[in-house]
Amino acid sequence: MSEQHRDPTERDQPDTTSAEDRRQHGRYLAQGDAMLTWQGPSTHRSILIGTVKNVSAEGMAILLEQPVAVGQVVWLKMDRATYTALIRSCQPEGNGFLAGLYIMLSDAGVKQDDPPSDTISLFS
């Protein structure tokens, strides 16, 4: 429906669609250790060990002891695989922080499609 023909009250309603319903890919429970590494503002290198909570076709959620800034590009090491990932979200959960990662590149050189449009502005 075009903007000019919409019910004006509809536009002012909050979006009540859950994040679960807006997701493009299903989530699958997972468990395992993961190491995140990234370069800080100077030459400082940060490392965090976390626990994978779930995975999807484009990323995963990892429980961490400390938060990581949204928009931070990290190297993610799990088992024998290494990935380049983008932190898309990081929210308090229990005694830690649940970070949502978008996988951008694997160590096999397989590049995912471009990041979802809501993250492209982070690179501009």
PDB file of N, CA and C in Angstrom:
ATOM      1  N   MET A   1       0.853  -1.169   0.000  1.00  0.00           N
ATOM      2  CA  MET A   1       0.000   0.000   0.000  1.00  0.00           C
ATOM      3  C   MET A   1       0.900   1.234   0.000  1.00  0.00           C
ATOM      4  N   SER A   2       0.583   2.211  -0.851  1.00  0.00           N
ATOM      5  CA  SER A   2       1.434   3.394  -0.918  1.00  0.00           C
ATOM      6  C   SER A   2       1.270   4.225   0.348  1.00  0.00           C
ATOM      7  N   GLU A   3       2.266   5.038   0.612  1.00  0.00           N
ATOM      8  CA  GLU A   3       2.283   5.862   1.823  1.00  0.00           C
ATOM      9  C   GLU A   3       1.083   6.810   1.876  1.00  0.00           C
ATOM     10  N   GLN A   4       0.684   7.369   0.726  1.00  0.00           N
ATOM     11  CA  GLN A   4      -0.413   8.335   0.738  1.00  0.00           C
ATOM     12  C   GLN A   4      -1.775   7.682   0.944  1.00  0.00           C
ATOM     13  N   HIS A   5      -1.887   6.376   0.711  1.00  0.00           N
ATOM     14  CA  HIS A   5      -3.158   5.690   0.885  1.00  0.00           C
ATOM     15  C   HIS A   5      -3.231   4.881   2.173  1.00  0.00           C
ATOM     16  N   ARG A   6      -2.207   4.921   2.969  1.00  0.00           N
ATOM     17  CA  ARG A   6      -2.204   4.194   4.236  1.00  0.00           C
ATOM     18  C   ARG A   6      -3.062   4.890   5.261  1.00  0.00           C
ATOM     19  N   ASP A   7      -3.573   4.101   6.163  1.00  0.00           N
ATOM     20  CA  ASP A   7      -4.302   4.632   7.311  1.00  0.00           C
ATOM     21  C   ASP A   7      -3.294   5.406   8.164  1.00  0.00           C
ATOM     22  N   PRO A   8      -3.503   6.706   8.431  1.00  0.00           N
ATOM     23  CA  PRO A   8      -2.509   7.498   9.172  1.00  0.00           C
ATOM     24  C   PRO A   8      -2.206   6.936  10.558  1.00  0.00           C
ATOM     25  N   THR A   9      -3.142   6.274  11.181  1.00  0.00           N
ATOM     26  CA  THR A   9      -2.875   5.721  12.509  1.00  0.00           C
ATOM     27  C   THR A   9      -1.966   4.509  12.430  1.00  0.00           C
ATOM     28  N   GLU A  10      -1.971   3.814  11.299  1.00  0.00           N
ATOM     29  CA  GLU A  10      -1.125   2.634  11.116  1.00  0.00           C
ATOM     30  C   GLU A  10       0.355   3.006  11.164  1.00  0.00           C
ATOM     31  N   ARG A  11       0.705   4.131  10.612  1.00  0.00           N
ATOM     32  CA  ARG A  11       2.087   4.596  10.551  1.00  0.00           C
ATOM     33  C   ARG A  11       2.650   4.877  11.940  1.00  0.00           C
ATOM     34  N   ASP A  12       1.806   5.274  12.869  1.00  0.00           N
ATOM     35  CA  ASP A  12       2.255   5.653  14.195  1.00  0.00           C
ATOM     36  C   ASP A  12       2.316   4.475  15.171  1.00  0.00           C
ATOM     37  N   GLN A  13       1.924   3.305  14.732  1.00  0.00           N
ATOM     38  CA  GLN A  13       1.922   2.145  15.610  1.00  0.00           C
ATOM     39  C   GLN A  13       3.333   1.584  15.733  1.00  0.00           C
ATOM     40  N   PRO A  14       3.724   1.153  16.922  1.00  0.00           N
ATOM     41  CA  PRO A  14       5.052   0.562  17.084  1.00  0.00           C
ATOM     42  C   PRO A  14       5.117  -0.785  16.363  1.00  0.00           C
ATOM     43  N   ASP A  15       6.294  -1.156  15.929  1.00  0.00           N
ATOM     44  CA  ASP A  15       6.501  -2.447  15.290  1.00  0.00           C
ATOM     45  C   ASP A  15       6.519  -3.505  16.382  1.00  0.00           C
ATOM     46  N   THR A  16       5.503  -4.346  16.402  1.00  0.00           N
ATOM     47  CA  THR A  16       5.416  -5.371  17.444  1.00  0.00           C
ATOM     48  C   THR A  16       5.897  -6.734  16.944  1.00  0.00           C
ATOM     49  N   THR A  17       6.437  -6.767  15.739  1.00  0.00           N
ATOM     50  CA  THR A  17       6.981  -8.010  15.217  1.00  0.00           C
ATOM     51  C   THR A  17       8.229  -8.362  16.014  1.00  0.00           C
ATOM     52  N   SER A  18       8.271  -9.580  16.518  1.00  0.00           N
ATOM     53  CA  SER A  18       9.432  -9.977  17.319  1.00  0.00           C
ATOM     54  C   SER A  18      10.657 -10.142  16.431  1.00  0.00           C
ATOM     55  N   ALA A  19      11.832 -10.012  17.033  1.00  0.00           N
ATOM     56  CA  ALA A  19      13.082 -10.223  16.302  1.00  0.00           C
ATOM     57  C   ALA A  19      13.092 -11.623  15.704  1.00  0.00           C
ATOM     58  N   GLU A  20      12.525 -12.578  16.426  1.00  0.00           N
ATOM     59  CA  GLU A  20      12.452 -13.956  15.946  1.00  0.00           C
ATOM     60  C   GLU A  20      11.692 -14.029  14.621  1.00  0.00           C
ATOM     61  N   ASP A  21      10.592 -13.286  14.500  1.00  0.00           N
ATOM     62  CA  ASP A  21       9.782 -13.307  13.288  1.00  0.00           C
ATOM     63  C   ASP A  21      10.432 -12.544  12.139  1.00  0.00           C
ATOM     64  N   ARG A  22      11.302 -11.562  12.429  1.00  0.00           N
ATOM     65  CA  ARG A  22      11.956 -10.768  11.385  1.00  0.00           C
ATOM     66  C   ARG A  22      13.190 -11.462  10.825  1.00  0.00           C
ATOM     67  N   ARG A  23      13.680 -12.481  11.468  1.00  0.00           N
ATOM     68  CA  ARG A  23      14.895 -13.148  11.028  1.00  0.00           C
ATOM     69  C   ARG A  23      14.698 -13.826   9.678  1.00  0.00           C
ATOM     70  N   GLN A  24      15.738 -13.742   8.847  1.00  0.00           N
ATOM     71  CA  GLN A  24      15.682 -14.359   7.529  1.00  0.00           C
ATOM     72  C   GLN A  24      16.013 -15.846   7.586  1.00  0.00           C
ATOM     73  N   HIS A  25      16.767 -16.272   8.599  1.00  0.00           N
ATOM     74  CA  HIS A  25      17.213 -17.652   8.687  1.00  0.00           C
ATOM     75  C   HIS A  25      16.906 -18.210  10.065  1.00  0.00           C
ATOM     76  N   GLY A  26      16.560 -19.486  10.115  1.00  0.00           N
ATOM     77  CA  GLY A  26      16.278 -20.142  11.382  1.00  0.00           C
ATOM     78  C   GLY A  26      17.527 -20.276  12.231  1.00  0.00           C
ATOM     79  N   ARG A  27      17.334 -20.382  13.526  1.00  0.00           N
ATOM     80  CA  ARG A  27      18.437 -20.565  14.473  1.00  0.00           C
ATOM     81  C   ARG A  27      18.443 -22.019  14.935  1.00  0.00           C
ATOM     82  N   TYR A  28      19.646 -22.557  15.125  1.00  0.00           N
ATOM     83  CA  TYR A  28      19.813 -23.925  15.587  1.00  0.00           C
ATOM     84  C   TYR A  28      20.687 -23.909  16.827  1.00  0.00           C
ATOM     85  N   LEU A  29      20.225 -24.567  17.886  1.00  0.00           N
ATOM     86  CA  LEU A  29      20.994 -24.608  19.117  1.00  0.00           C
ATOM     87  C   LEU A  29      22.345 -25.241  18.851  1.00  0.00           C
ATOM     88  N   ALA A  30      23.352 -24.711  19.493  1.00  0.00           N
ATOM     89  CA  ALA A  30      24.718 -25.213  19.333  1.00  0.00           C
ATOM     90  C   ALA A  30      25.452 -25.002  20.641  1.00  0.00           C
ATOM     91  N   GLN A  31      26.540 -25.705  20.796  1.00  0.00           N
ATOM     92  CA  GLN A  31      27.357 -25.531  21.987  1.00  0.00           C
ATOM     93  C   GLN A  31      28.797 -25.796  21.615  1.00  0.00           C
ATOM     94  N   GLY A  32      29.671 -24.949  22.083  1.00  0.00           N
ATOM     95  CA  GLY A  32      31.089 -25.090  21.812  1.00  0.00           C
ATOM     96  C   GLY A  32      31.807 -23.808  22.175  1.00  0.00           C
ATOM     97  N   ASP A  33      33.115 -23.895  22.242  1.00  0.00           N
ATOM     98  CA  ASP A  33      33.918 -22.727  22.576  1.00  0.00           C
ATOM     99  C   ASP A  33      34.300 -21.959  21.320  1.00  0.00           C
ATOM    100  N   ALA A  34      34.456 -20.670  21.474  1.00  0.00           N
ATOM    101  CA  ALA A  34      34.880 -19.802  20.382  1.00  0.00           C
ATOM    102  C   ALA A  34      35.796 -18.730  20.949  1.00  0.00           C
ATOM    103  N   MET A  35      36.790 -18.339  20.178  1.00  0.00           N
ATOM    104  CA  MET A  35      37.703 -17.273  20.574  1.00  0.00           C
ATOM    105  C   MET A  35      37.534 -16.103  19.614  1.00  0.00           C
ATOM    106  N   LEU A  36      37.264 -14.925  20.167  1.00  0.00           N
ATOM    107  CA  LEU A  36      37.150 -13.704  19.380  1.00  0.00           C
ATOM    108  C   LEU A  36      38.402 -12.871  19.605  1.00  0.00           C
ATOM    109  N   THR A  37      38.968 -12.352  18.526  1.00  0.00           N
ATOM    110  CA  THR A  37      40.149 -11.487  18.583  1.00  0.00           C
ATOM    111  C   THR A  37      39.884 -10.270  17.715  1.00  0.00           C
ATOM    112  N   TRP A  38      40.285  -9.094  18.185  1.00  0.00           N
ATOM    113  CA  TRP A  38      40.146  -7.890  17.371  1.00  0.00           C
ATOM    114  C   TRP A  38      41.191  -6.877  17.785  1.00  0.00           C
ATOM    115  N   GLN A  39      41.440  -5.955  16.881  1.00  0.00           N
ATOM    116  CA  GLN A  39      42.405  -4.890  17.104  1.00  0.00           C
ATOM    117  C   GLN A  39      41.698  -3.719  17.755  1.00  0.00           C
ATOM    118  N   GLY A  40      42.226  -3.234  18.856  1.00  0.00           N
ATOM    119  CA  GLY A  40      41.650  -2.089  19.540  1.00  0.00           C
ATOM    120  C   GLY A  40      42.008  -0.790  18.853  1.00  0.00           C
ATOM    121  N   PRO A  41      41.646   0.354  19.473  1.00  0.00           N
ATOM    122  CA  PRO A  41      41.885   1.661  18.864  1.00  0.00           C
ATOM    123  C   PRO A  41      43.360   1.961  18.623  1.00  0.00           C
ATOM    124  N   SER A  42      44.221   1.408  19.444  1.00  0.00           N
ATOM    125  CA  SER A  42      45.655   1.616  19.197  1.00  0.00           C
ATOM    126  C   SER A  42      46.198   0.302  18.649  1.00  0.00           C
ATOM    127  N   THR A  43      47.299  -0.145  19.158  1.00  0.00           N
ATOM    128  CA  THR A  43      47.838  -1.440  18.735  1.00  0.00           C
ATOM    129  C   THR A  43      47.395  -2.534  19.690  1.00  0.00           C
ATOM    130  N   HIS A  44      46.515  -2.183  20.621  1.00  0.00           N
ATOM    131  CA  HIS A  44      46.012  -3.126  21.609  1.00  0.00           C
ATOM    132  C   HIS A  44      45.172  -4.215  20.941  1.00  0.00           C
ATOM    133  N   ARG A  45      45.487  -5.455  21.251  1.00  0.00           N
ATOM    134  CA  ARG A  45      44.745  -6.593  20.708  1.00  0.00           C
ATOM    135  C   ARG A  45      43.889  -7.189  21.819  1.00  0.00           C
ATOM    136  N   SER A  46      42.605  -7.357  21.558  1.00  0.00           N
ATOM    137  CA  SER A  46      41.680  -7.903  22.543  1.00  0.00           C
ATOM    138  C   SER A  46      41.322  -9.337  22.191  1.00  0.00           C
ATOM    139  N   ILE A  47      41.185 -10.165  23.228  1.00  0.00           N
ATOM    140  CA  ILE A  47      40.819 -11.570  23.048  1.00  0.00           C
ATOM    141  C   ILE A  47      39.769 -11.933  24.086  1.00  0.00           C
ATOM    142  N   LEU A  48      38.701 -12.588  23.633  1.00  0.00           N
ATOM    143  CA  LEU A  48      37.672 -13.094  24.530  1.00  0.00           C
ATOM    144  C   LEU A  48      37.332 -14.529  24.142  1.00  0.00           C
ATOM    145  N   ILE A  49      37.109 -15.364  25.132  1.00  0.00           N
ATOM    146  CA  ILE A  49      36.634 -16.725  24.909  1.00  0.00           C
ATOM    147  C   ILE A  49      35.152 -16.740  25.260  1.00  0.00           C
ATOM    148  N   GLY A  50      34.352 -17.350  24.402  1.00  0.00           N
ATOM    149  CA  GLY A  50      32.917 -17.402  24.637  1.00  0.00           C
ATOM    150  C   GLY A  50      32.361 -18.773  24.325  1.00  0.00           C
ATOM    151  N   THR A  51      31.051 -18.904  24.545  1.00  0.00           N
ATOM    152  CA  THR A  51      30.345 -20.152  24.290  1.00  0.00           C
ATOM    153  C   THR A  51      29.305 -19.918  23.207  1.00  0.00           C
ATOM    154  N   VAL A  52      29.376 -20.693  22.139  1.00  0.00           N
ATOM    155  CA  VAL A  52      28.387 -20.594  21.059  1.00  0.00           C
ATOM    156  C   VAL A  52      27.049 -21.071  21.594  1.00  0.00           C
ATOM    157  N   LYS A  53      25.997 -20.271  21.371  1.00  0.00           N
ATOM    158  CA  LYS A  53      24.655 -20.611  21.840  1.00  0.00           C
ATOM    159  C   LYS A  53      23.763 -21.102  20.696  1.00  0.00           C
ATOM    160  N   ASN A  54      23.866 -20.460  19.525  1.00  0.00           N
ATOM    161  CA  ASN A  54      23.097 -20.905  18.374  1.00  0.00           C
ATOM    162  C   ASN A  54      23.780 -20.454  17.098  1.00  0.00           C
ATOM    163  N   VAL A  55      23.418 -21.092  15.994  1.00  0.00           N
ATOM    164  CA  VAL A  55      23.985 -20.763  14.685  1.00  0.00           C
ATOM    165  C   VAL A  55      22.856 -20.633  13.668  1.00  0.00           C
ATOM    166  N   SER A  56      23.134 -19.905  12.592  1.00  0.00           N
ATOM    167  CA  SER A  56      22.197 -19.772  11.485  1.00  0.00           C
ATOM    168  C   SER A  56      23.009 -19.820  10.202  1.00  0.00           C
ATOM    169  N   ALA A  57      22.341 -19.656   9.074  1.00  0.00           N
ATOM    170  CA  ALA A  57      23.023 -19.684   7.786  1.00  0.00           C
ATOM    171  C   ALA A  57      24.018 -18.539   7.629  1.00  0.00           C
ATOM    172  N   GLU A  58      23.823 -17.414   8.332  1.00  0.00           N
ATOM    173  CA  GLU A  58      24.686 -16.246   8.167  1.00  0.00           C
ATOM    174  C   GLU A  58      25.500 -15.870   9.385  1.00  0.00           C
ATOM    175  N   GLY A  59      25.262 -16.518  10.522  1.00  0.00           N
ATOM    176  CA  GLY A  59      25.999 -16.096  11.704  1.00  0.00           C
ATOM    177  C   GLY A  59      25.740 -16.971  12.902  1.00  0.00           C
ATOM    178  N   MET A  60      25.957 -16.388  14.066  1.00  0.00           N
ATOM    179  CA  MET A  60      25.785 -17.135  15.313  1.00  0.00           C
ATOM    180  C   MET A  60      25.668 -16.182  16.487  1.00  0.00           C
ATOM    181  N   ALA A  61      25.249 -16.735  17.617  1.00  0.00           N
ATOM    182  CA  ALA A  61      25.204 -15.985  18.868  1.00  0.00           C
ATOM    183  C   ALA A  61      26.199 -16.633  19.824  1.00  0.00           C
ATOM    184  N   ILE A  62      26.990 -15.798  20.482  1.00  0.00           N
ATOM    185  CA  ILE A  62      28.028 -16.267  21.397  1.00  0.00           C
ATOM    186  C   ILE A  62      27.876 -15.554  22.735  1.00  0.00           C
ATOM    187  N   LEU A  63      27.886 -16.313  23.812  1.00  0.00           N
ATOM    188  CA  LEU A  63      27.815 -15.752  25.160  1.00  0.00           C
ATOM    189  C   LEU A  63      29.233 -15.413  25.610  1.00  0.00           C
ATOM    190  N   LEU A  64      29.434 -14.145  25.994  1.00  0.00           N
ATOM    191  CA  LEU A  64      30.747 -13.632  26.392  1.00  0.00           C
ATOM    192  C   LEU A  64      30.710 -13.083  27.809  1.00  0.00           C
ATOM    193  N   GLU A  65      31.869 -12.994  28.446  1.00  0.00           N
ATOM    194  CA  GLU A  65      31.950 -12.405  29.787  1.00  0.00           C
ATOM    195  C   GLU A  65      31.949 -10.891  29.749  1.00  0.00           C
ATOM    196  N   GLN A  66      32.388 -10.303  28.634  1.00  0.00           N
ATOM    197  CA  GLN A  66      32.463  -8.853  28.483  1.00  0.00           C
ATOM    198  C   GLN A  66      31.790  -8.443  27.177  1.00  0.00           C
ATOM    199  N   PRO A  67      31.296  -7.218  27.097  1.00  0.00           N
ATOM    200  CA  PRO A  67      30.668  -6.774  25.846  1.00  0.00           C
ATOM    201  C   PRO A  67      31.704  -6.463  24.769  1.00  0.00           C
ATOM    202  N   VAL A  68      31.269  -6.535  23.523  1.00  0.00           N
ATOM    203  CA  VAL A  68      32.070  -6.117  22.373  1.00  0.00           C
ATOM    204  C   VAL A  68      31.228  -5.084  21.630  1.00  0.00           C
ATOM    205  N   ALA A  69      31.848  -4.029  21.157  1.00  0.00           N
ATOM    206  CA  ALA A  69      31.126  -2.935  20.499  1.00  0.00           C
ATOM    207  C   ALA A  69      30.431  -3.401  19.225  1.00  0.00           C
ATOM    208  N   VAL A  70      29.183  -2.986  19.076  1.00  0.00           N
ATOM    209  CA  VAL A  70      28.448  -3.260  17.842  1.00  0.00           C
ATOM    210  C   VAL A  70      29.175  -2.557  16.697  1.00  0.00           C
ATOM    211  N   GLY A  71      29.357  -3.259  15.599  1.00  0.00           N
ATOM    212  CA  GLY A  71      30.089  -2.726  14.454  1.00  0.00           C
ATOM    213  C   GLY A  71      31.544  -3.160  14.411  1.00  0.00           C
ATOM    214  N   GLN A  72      32.034  -3.752  15.500  1.00  0.00           N
ATOM    215  CA  GLN A  72      33.419  -4.217  15.559  1.00  0.00           C
ATOM    216  C   GLN A  72      33.595  -5.434  14.658  1.00  0.00           C
ATOM    217  N   VAL A  73      34.621  -5.433  13.834  1.00  0.00           N
ATOM    218  CA  VAL A  73      34.972  -6.609  13.034  1.00  0.00           C
ATOM    219  C   VAL A  73      35.932  -7.440  13.878  1.00  0.00           C
ATOM    220  N   VAL A  74      35.663  -8.753  13.954  1.00  0.00           N
ATOM    221  CA  VAL A  74      36.470  -9.647  14.788  1.00  0.00           C
ATOM    222  C   VAL A  74      36.909 -10.857  13.970  1.00  0.00           C
ATOM    223  N   TRP A  75      37.944 -11.508  14.465  1.00  0.00           N
ATOM    224  CA  TRP A  75      38.338 -12.811  13.949  1.00  0.00           C
ATOM    225  C   TRP A  75      37.796 -13.821  14.933  1.00  0.00           C
ATOM    226  N   LEU A  76      37.096 -14.805  14.417  1.00  0.00           N
ATOM    227  CA  LEU A  76      36.432 -15.815  15.224  1.00  0.00           C
ATOM    228  C   LEU A  76      37.082 -17.159  14.945  1.00  0.00           C
ATOM    229  N   LYS A  77      37.596 -17.810  15.989  1.00  0.00           N
ATOM    230  CA  LYS A  77      38.235 -19.126  15.837  1.00  0.00           C
ATOM    231  C   LYS A  77      37.417 -20.149  16.599  1.00  0.00           C
ATOM    232  N   MET A  78      37.041 -21.203  15.878  1.00  0.00           N
ATOM    233  CA  MET A  78      36.302 -22.318  16.465  1.00  0.00           C
ATOM    234  C   MET A  78      36.893 -23.599  15.906  1.00  0.00           C
ATOM    235  N   ASP A  79      37.198 -24.538  16.783  1.00  0.00           N
ATOM    236  CA  ASP A  79      37.816 -25.791  16.343  1.00  0.00           C
ATOM    237  C   ASP A  79      38.985 -25.481  15.420  1.00  0.00           C
ATOM    238  N   ARG A  80      38.891 -25.914  14.170  1.00  0.00           N
ATOM    239  CA  ARG A  80      39.985 -25.678  13.227  1.00  0.00           C
ATOM    240  C   ARG A  80      39.630 -24.629  12.183  1.00  0.00           C
ATOM    241  N   ALA A  81      38.524 -23.925  12.359  1.00  0.00           N
ATOM    242  CA  ALA A  81      38.088 -22.925  11.374  1.00  0.00           C
ATOM    243  C   ALA A  81      38.243 -21.516  11.936  1.00  0.00           C
ATOM    244  N   THR A  82      38.548 -20.577  11.049  1.00  0.00           N
ATOM    245  CA  THR A  82      38.654 -19.170  11.410  1.00  0.00           C
ATOM    246  C   THR A  82      37.755 -18.362  10.478  1.00  0.00           C
ATOM    247  N   TYR A  83      37.060 -17.383  11.040  1.00  0.00           N
ATOM    248  CA  TYR A  83      36.131 -16.560  10.282  1.00  0.00           C
ATOM    249  C   TYR A  83      36.389 -15.092  10.576  1.00  0.00           C
ATOM    250  N   THR A  84      36.025 -14.237   9.635  1.00  0.00           N
ATOM    251  CA  THR A  84      35.947 -12.803   9.882  1.00  0.00           C
ATOM    252  C   THR A  84      34.469 -12.525  10.087  1.00  0.00           C
ATOM    253  N   ALA A  85      34.144 -11.830  11.171  1.00  0.00           N
ATOM    254  CA  ALA A  85      32.734 -11.605  11.510  1.00  0.00           C
ATOM    255  C   ALA A  85      32.517 -10.175  11.973  1.00  0.00           C
ATOM    256  N   LEU A  86      31.278  -9.752  11.872  1.00  0.00           N
ATOM    257  CA  LEU A  86      30.854  -8.424  12.296  1.00  0.00           C
ATOM    258  C   LEU A  86      29.944  -8.579  13.504  1.00  0.00           C
ATOM    259  N   ILE A  87      30.214  -7.829  14.568  1.00  0.00           N
ATOM    260  CA  ILE A  87      29.329  -7.832  15.740  1.00  0.00           C
ATOM    261  C   ILE A  87      28.099  -6.998  15.384  1.00  0.00           C
ATOM    262  N   ARG A  88      26.941  -7.657  15.277  1.00  0.00           N
ATOM    263  CA  ARG A  88      25.696  -6.957  14.914  1.00  0.00           C
ATOM    264  C   ARG A  88      24.901  -6.546  16.135  1.00  0.00           C
ATOM    265  N   SER A  89      25.086  -7.275  17.244  1.00  0.00           N
ATOM    266  CA  SER A  89      24.376  -6.926  18.479  1.00  0.00           C
ATOM    267  C   SER A  89      25.187  -7.453  19.650  1.00  0.00           C
ATOM    268  N   CYS A  90      24.997  -6.839  20.809  1.00  0.00           N
ATOM    269  CA  CYS A  90      25.638  -7.317  22.036  1.00  0.00           C
ATOM    270  C   CYS A  90      24.799  -6.809  23.200  1.00  0.00           C
ATOM    271  N   GLN A  91      24.087  -7.732  23.837  1.00  0.00           N
ATOM    272  CA  GLN A  91      23.132  -7.378  24.883  1.00  0.00           C
ATOM    273  C   GLN A  91      23.435  -8.140  26.164  1.00  0.00           C
ATOM    274  N   PRO A  92      23.175  -7.525  27.314  1.00  0.00           N
ATOM    275  CA  PRO A  92      23.348  -8.260  28.575  1.00  0.00           C
ATOM    276  C   PRO A  92      22.456  -9.503  28.595  1.00  0.00           C
ATOM    277  N   GLU A  93      23.010 -10.588  29.089  1.00  0.00           N
ATOM    278  CA  GLU A  93      22.238 -11.825  29.256  1.00  0.00           C
ATOM    279  C   GLU A  93      22.828 -12.589  30.436  1.00  0.00           C
ATOM    280  N   GLY A  94      22.019 -12.775  31.465  1.00  0.00           N
ATOM    281  CA  GLY A  94      22.504 -13.447  32.666  1.00  0.00           C
ATOM    282  C   GLY A  94      23.685 -12.699  33.246  1.00  0.00           C
ATOM    283  N   ASN A  95      24.779 -13.415  33.496  1.00  0.00           N
ATOM    284  CA  ASN A  95      25.992 -12.798  34.034  1.00  0.00           C
ATOM    285  C   ASN A  95      26.962 -12.368  32.943  1.00  0.00           C
ATOM    286  N   GLY A  96      26.527 -12.417  31.684  1.00  0.00           N
ATOM    287  CA  GLY A  96      27.425 -12.085  30.585  1.00  0.00           C
ATOM    288  C   GLY A  96      26.733 -11.240  29.533  1.00  0.00           C
ATOM    289  N   PHE A  97      27.179 -11.403  28.293  1.00  0.00           N
ATOM    290  CA  PHE A  97      26.663 -10.637  27.169  1.00  0.00           C
ATOM    291  C   PHE A  97      26.490 -11.579  25.980  1.00  0.00           C
ATOM    292  N   LEU A  98      25.344 -11.486  25.324  1.00  0.00           N
ATOM    293  CA  LEU A  98      25.077 -12.306  24.156  1.00  0.00           C
ATOM    294  C   LEU A  98      25.370 -11.473  22.916  1.00  0.00           C
ATOM    295  N   ALA A  99      26.387 -11.886  22.168  1.00  0.00           N
ATOM    296  CA  ALA A  99      26.799 -11.166  20.962  1.00  0.00           C
ATOM    297  C   ALA A  99      26.268 -11.891  19.735  1.00  0.00           C
ATOM    298  N   GLY A 100      25.646 -11.139  18.835  1.00  0.00           N
ATOM    299  CA  GLY A 100      25.194 -11.673  17.557  1.00  0.00           C
ATOM    300  C   GLY A 100      26.221 -11.339  16.495  1.00  0.00           C
ATOM    301  N   LEU A 101      26.729 -12.357  15.814  1.00  0.00           N
ATOM    302  CA  LEU A 101      27.774 -12.171  14.813  1.00  0.00           C
ATOM    303  C   LEU A 101      27.265 -12.502  13.422  1.00  0.00           C
ATOM    304  N   TYR A 102      27.648 -11.692  12.449  1.00  0.00           N
ATOM    305  CA  TYR A 102      27.398 -11.955  11.037  1.00  0.00           C
ATOM    306  C   TYR A 102      28.713 -12.422  10.447  1.00  0.00           C
ATOM    307  N   ILE A 103      28.739 -13.630   9.889  1.00  0.00           N
ATOM    308  CA  ILE A 103      29.966 -14.187   9.314  1.00  0.00           C
ATOM    309  C   ILE A 103      30.181 -13.556   7.941  1.00  0.00           C
ATOM    310  N   MET A 104      31.340 -12.904   7.777  1.00  0.00           N
ATOM    311  CA  MET A 104      31.648 -12.220   6.526  1.00  0.00           C
ATOM    312  C   MET A 104      32.551 -13.040   5.624  1.00  0.00           C
ATOM    313  N   LEU A 105      33.493 -13.785   6.213  1.00  0.00           N
ATOM    314  CA  LEU A 105      34.494 -14.507   5.428  1.00  0.00           C
ATOM    315  C   LEU A 105      35.007 -15.683   6.235  1.00  0.00           C
ATOM    316  N   SER A 106      35.190 -16.823   5.582  1.00  0.00           N
ATOM    317  CA  SER A 106      35.762 -17.977   6.273  1.00  0.00           C
ATOM    318  C   SER A 106      37.217 -18.140   5.871  1.00  0.00           C
ATOM    319  N   ASP A 107      37.957 -18.961   6.614  1.00  0.00           N
ATOM    320  CA  ASP A 107      39.364 -19.179   6.281  1.00  0.00           C
ATOM    321  C   ASP A 107      39.526 -19.924   4.963  1.00  0.00           C
ATOM    322  N   ALA A 108      38.446 -20.508   4.464  1.00  0.00           N
ATOM    323  CA  ALA A 108      38.489 -21.171   3.165  1.00  0.00           C
ATOM    324  C   ALA A 108      38.346 -20.149   2.038  1.00  0.00           C
ATOM    325  N   GLY A 109      38.165 -18.875   2.395  1.00  0.00           N
ATOM    326  CA  GLY A 109      38.057 -17.820   1.407  1.00  0.00           C
ATOM    327  C   GLY A 109      36.672 -17.683   0.811  1.00  0.00           C
ATOM    328  N   VAL A 110      35.694 -18.336   1.398  1.00  0.00           N
ATOM    329  CA  VAL A 110      34.329 -18.249   0.893  1.00  0.00           C
ATOM    330  C   VAL A 110      33.669 -17.031   1.499  1.00  0.00           C
ATOM    331  N   LYS A 111      33.392 -16.054   0.673  1.00  0.00           N
ATOM    332  CA  LYS A 111      32.778 -14.819   1.160  1.00  0.00           C
ATOM    333  C   LYS A 111      31.272 -14.971   1.157  1.00  0.00           C
ATOM    334  N   GLN A 112      30.657 -14.563   2.260  1.00  0.00           N
ATOM    335  CA  GLN A 112      29.198 -14.514   2.305  1.00  0.00           C
ATOM    336  C   GLN A 112      28.743 -13.396   1.384  1.00  0.00           C
ATOM    337  N   ASP A 113      27.438 -13.348   1.110  1.00  0.00           N
ATOM    338  CA  ASP A 113      26.888 -12.223   0.376  1.00  0.00           C
ATOM    339  C   ASP A 113      27.198 -10.952   1.154  1.00  0.00           C
ATOM    340  N   ASP A 114      26.942  -9.809   0.552  1.00  0.00           N
ATOM    341  CA  ASP A 114      27.156  -8.546   1.245  1.00  0.00           C
ATOM    342  C   ASP A 114      26.410  -8.544   2.566  1.00  0.00           C
ATOM    343  N   PRO A 115      26.916  -7.827   3.567  1.00  0.00           N
ATOM    344  CA  PRO A 115      26.204  -7.751   4.851  1.00  0.00           C
ATOM    345  C   PRO A 115      24.794  -7.218   4.636  1.00  0.00           C
ATOM    346  N   PRO A 116      23.873  -7.605   5.510  1.00  0.00           N
ATOM    347  CA  PRO A 116      22.513  -7.069   5.405  1.00  0.00           C
ATOM    348  C   PRO A 116      22.545  -5.546   5.367  1.00  0.00           C
ATOM    349  N   SER A 117      21.579  -4.941   4.701  1.00  0.00           N
ATOM    350  CA  SER A 117      21.588  -3.494   4.467  1.00  0.00           C
ATOM    351  C   SER A 117      21.698  -2.666   5.730  1.00  0.00           C
ATOM    352  N   ASP A 118      21.211  -3.176   6.865  1.00  0.00           N
ATOM    353  CA  ASP A 118      21.283  -2.387   8.099  1.00  0.00           C
ATOM    354  C   ASP A 118      22.686  -2.336   8.675  1.00  0.00           C
ATOM    355  N   THR A 119      23.653  -3.069   8.112  1.00  0.00           N
ATOM    356  CA  THR A 119      25.025  -3.000   8.612  1.00  0.00           C
ATOM    357  C   THR A 119      25.951  -2.286   7.639  1.00  0.00           C
ATOM    358  N   ILE A 120      25.497  -2.062   6.420  1.00  0.00           N
ATOM    359  CA  ILE A 120      26.367  -1.442   5.431  1.00  0.00           C
ATOM    360  C   ILE A 120      26.835  -0.062   5.884  1.00  0.00           C
ATOM    361  N   SER A 121      25.993   0.684   6.580  1.00  0.00           N
ATOM    362  CA  SER A 121      26.361   2.024   7.033  1.00  0.00           C
ATOM    363  C   SER A 121      27.550   1.990   7.990  1.00  0.00           C
ATOM    364  N   LEU A 122      27.796   0.845   8.628  1.00  0.00           N
ATOM    365  CA  LEU A 122      28.924   0.743   9.550  1.00  0.00           C
ATOM    366  C   LEU A 122      30.258   0.825   8.812  1.00  0.00           C
ATOM    367  N   PHE A 123      30.265   0.528   7.521  1.00  0.00           N
ATOM    368  CA  PHE A 123      31.490   0.541   6.750  1.00  0.00           C
ATOM    369  C   PHE A 123      31.667   1.828   5.963  1.00  0.00           C
ATOM    370  N   SER A 124      30.671   2.683   5.966  1.00  0.00           N
ATOM    371  CA  SER A 124      30.731   3.910   5.165  1.00  0.00           C
ATOM    372  C   SER A 124      31.501   4.993   5.882  1.00  0.00           C
TER     373      SER A 124
END
